[in-house]
């Protein structure tokens, strides 16, 4: 039912914006708009990292004091767990806030129905925490960095 409503809304939008002459034009433009709406945003990772900055995390975590249990209470389960060679625990939190609504993706969809590929860009929020043998934070690093990914012609 929801899919039918979305397609109906897209079809109405196409009529308002483009005033197509043929029904085939309506279908073509509607499919393109629907595709762009569906791929426009792709957020992945640990939601607790959404909107986190280096300053916000530094205000929450104190090396030598904050415990593993407190970290789990603040950020939930880690995205990835690993260990150093000496056996110290490392937790990694990651959140990617990306959009595929780029000029490359729009051009690919309009000219090749998306067969040329898709390009996404956005921001990655990543927190890496090293714990000591008593499950207390030894070191941590928070970063916010731009990311780009692509497929086919837009692959790195």
Protein backbone atom coordinates (compact mmCIF):
# COMPACT_ATOMS: atom_id res chain seq x y z
CA UNK A 1 0.00 0.00 0.00
CA UNK A 2 2.80 2.46 0.91
CA UNK A 3 4.63 1.75 -2.36
CA UNK A 4 1.48 2.54 -4.33
CA UNK A 5 1.11 5.83 -2.45
CA UNK A 6 4.73 6.80 -3.13
CA UNK A 7 4.39 6.01 -6.83
CA UNK A 8 1.10 7.91 -7.00
CA UNK A 9 2.71 10.95 -5.34
CA UNK A 10 5.70 10.75 -7.66
CA UNK A 11 3.40 10.50 -10.69
CA UNK A 12 1.50 13.61 -9.56
CA UNK A 13 4.79 15.45 -9.00
CA UNK A 14 5.98 14.51 -12.49
CA UNK A 15 2.76 15.91 -14.03
CA UNK A 16 3.14 19.17 -12.10
CA UNK A 17 6.82 19.69 -12.88
CA UNK A 18 7.25 18.39 -16.42
CA UNK A 19 3.79 18.31 -18.02
CA UNK A 20 4.69 15.22 -20.12
CA UNK A 21 2.86 14.59 -23.40
CA UNK A 22 2.89 10.78 -23.42
CA UNK A 23 2.14 8.15 -20.79
CA UNK A 24 5.51 6.52 -21.53
CA UNK A 25 7.23 9.77 -20.55
CA UNK A 26 5.33 9.77 -17.27
CA UNK A 27 6.45 6.22 -16.50
CA UNK A 28 10.08 6.95 -17.38
CA UNK A 29 10.29 10.11 -15.29
CA UNK A 30 8.36 8.49 -12.41
CA UNK A 31 10.77 5.55 -12.31
CA UNK A 32 13.75 7.92 -12.27
CA UNK A 33 12.30 10.03 -9.46
CA UNK A 34 11.41 6.95 -7.42
CA UNK A 35 14.92 5.57 -7.88
CA UNK A 36 16.50 8.84 -6.80
CA UNK A 37 14.27 9.07 -3.74
CA UNK A 38 15.10 5.50 -2.71
CA UNK A 39 18.89 5.89 -3.05
CA UNK A 40 19.16 9.47 -1.86
CA UNK A 41 20.19 8.72 1.75
CA UNK A 42 22.02 5.79 3.24
CA UNK A 43 22.99 6.03 6.88
CA UNK A 44 24.79 3.04 8.36
CA UNK A 45 26.47 2.14 11.60
CA UNK A 46 25.89 2.86 15.25
CA UNK A 47 23.11 5.48 15.58
CA UNK A 48 24.58 6.73 18.87
CA UNK A 49 27.46 8.22 16.86
CA UNK A 50 25.12 10.38 14.78
CA UNK A 51 25.96 14.03 15.39
CA UNK A 52 28.94 13.27 17.65
CA UNK A 53 31.93 15.58 17.37
CA UNK A 54 35.41 15.43 18.85
CA UNK A 55 34.43 18.06 21.42
CA UNK A 56 31.26 16.23 22.51
CA UNK A 57 33.07 12.92 22.94
CA UNK A 58 35.99 14.53 24.82
CA UNK A 59 33.44 15.98 27.26
CA UNK A 60 31.98 12.49 27.89
CA UNK A 61 35.08 10.27 28.08
CA UNK A 62 38.01 10.73 30.47
CA UNK A 63 41.04 8.51 29.91
CA UNK A 64 41.96 6.66 33.12
CA UNK A 65 38.44 7.11 34.59
CA UNK A 66 35.65 6.12 32.18
CA UNK A 67 34.84 2.39 32.31
CA UNK A 68 33.78 -0.06 29.62
CA UNK A 69 30.35 -0.29 31.25
CA UNK A 70 29.95 3.51 31.09
CA UNK A 71 31.01 3.55 27.43
CA UNK A 72 28.43 0.87 26.64
CA UNK A 73 25.80 2.95 28.45
CA UNK A 74 26.70 6.03 26.39
CA UNK A 75 27.13 4.48 22.95
CA UNK A 76 25.70 0.95 23.07
CA UNK A 77 27.46 -2.06 21.59
CA UNK A 78 30.50 -1.35 19.44
CA UNK A 79 30.52 -1.64 15.66
CA UNK A 80 33.72 -3.70 15.85
CA UNK A 81 35.76 -5.36 18.60
CA UNK A 82 39.44 -6.32 18.34
CA UNK A 83 42.50 -6.85 20.52
CA UNK A 84 46.07 -5.57 20.50
CA UNK A 85 49.00 -8.01 20.40
CA UNK A 86 49.28 -7.68 24.17
CA UNK A 87 45.59 -8.53 24.65
CA UNK A 88 44.12 -5.08 25.32
CA UNK A 89 40.54 -4.63 24.16
CA UNK A 90 39.69 -2.15 21.36
CA UNK A 91 36.14 -1.01 20.64
CA UNK A 92 35.27 0.82 17.45
CA UNK A 93 32.09 2.84 16.85
CA UNK A 94 31.26 4.08 13.37
CA UNK A 95 28.42 5.99 11.73
CA UNK A 96 28.29 6.95 8.05
CA UNK A 97 25.86 9.68 7.02
CA UNK A 98 25.85 9.59 3.23
CA UNK A 99 23.75 10.59 0.27
CA UNK A 100 23.73 9.25 -3.27
CA UNK A 101 21.97 12.39 -4.50
CA UNK A 102 25.12 13.66 -6.23
CA UNK A 103 25.51 15.17 -9.69
CA UNK A 104 27.26 11.98 -10.83
CA UNK A 105 24.40 9.74 -9.68
CA UNK A 106 21.73 12.01 -11.14
CA UNK A 107 23.57 12.10 -14.48
CA UNK A 108 24.02 8.33 -14.45
CA UNK A 109 20.33 7.74 -13.72
CA UNK A 110 19.10 10.24 -16.31
CA UNK A 111 21.46 9.20 -19.10
CA UNK A 112 22.05 5.48 -18.49
CA UNK A 113 19.25 4.41 -16.09
CA UNK A 114 21.97 4.09 -13.44
CA UNK A 115 24.04 1.61 -15.44
CA UNK A 116 27.11 3.87 -15.30
CA UNK A 117 27.16 3.57 -11.52
CA UNK A 118 26.35 5.55 -8.41
CA UNK A 119 28.46 7.92 -6.33
CA UNK A 120 27.80 8.59 -2.64
CA UNK A 121 29.39 11.16 -0.40
CA UNK A 122 29.01 12.22 3.19
CA UNK A 123 30.62 12.11 6.62
CA UNK A 124 31.99 9.29 8.77
CA UNK A 125 31.96 9.65 12.55
CA UNK A 126 34.38 7.16 14.10
CA UNK A 127 35.32 6.54 17.72
CA UNK A 128 38.12 4.10 18.63
CA UNK A 129 38.64 3.22 22.30
CA UNK A 130 41.52 1.27 23.86
CA UNK A 131 40.81 -0.25 27.28
CA UNK A 132 43.34 -1.31 29.90
CA UNK A 133 43.36 -4.63 31.79
CA UNK A 134 40.81 -3.24 34.29
CA UNK A 135 38.31 -2.28 31.53
CA UNK A 136 39.03 1.44 31.96
CA UNK A 137 39.63 3.69 28.95
CA UNK A 138 43.36 4.01 28.31
CA UNK A 139 43.15 6.05 25.07
CA UNK A 140 40.47 7.09 22.62
CA UNK A 141 40.18 8.94 19.35
CA UNK A 142 37.12 10.54 17.76
CA UNK A 143 37.18 11.68 14.15
CA UNK A 144 34.73 13.22 11.70
CA UNK A 145 35.92 12.79 8.14
CA UNK A 146 34.48 13.17 4.64
CA UNK A 147 33.90 9.94 2.70
CA UNK A 148 33.15 9.07 -0.91
CA UNK A 149 32.15 5.74 -2.38
CA UNK A 150 31.12 4.73 -5.86
CA UNK A 151 30.29 1.86 -8.14
CA UNK A 152 31.29 1.10 -11.71
CA UNK A 153 32.56 4.32 -13.34
CA UNK A 154 32.63 6.12 -10.00
CA UNK A 155 34.60 3.47 -8.09
CA UNK A 156 37.87 4.63 -6.59
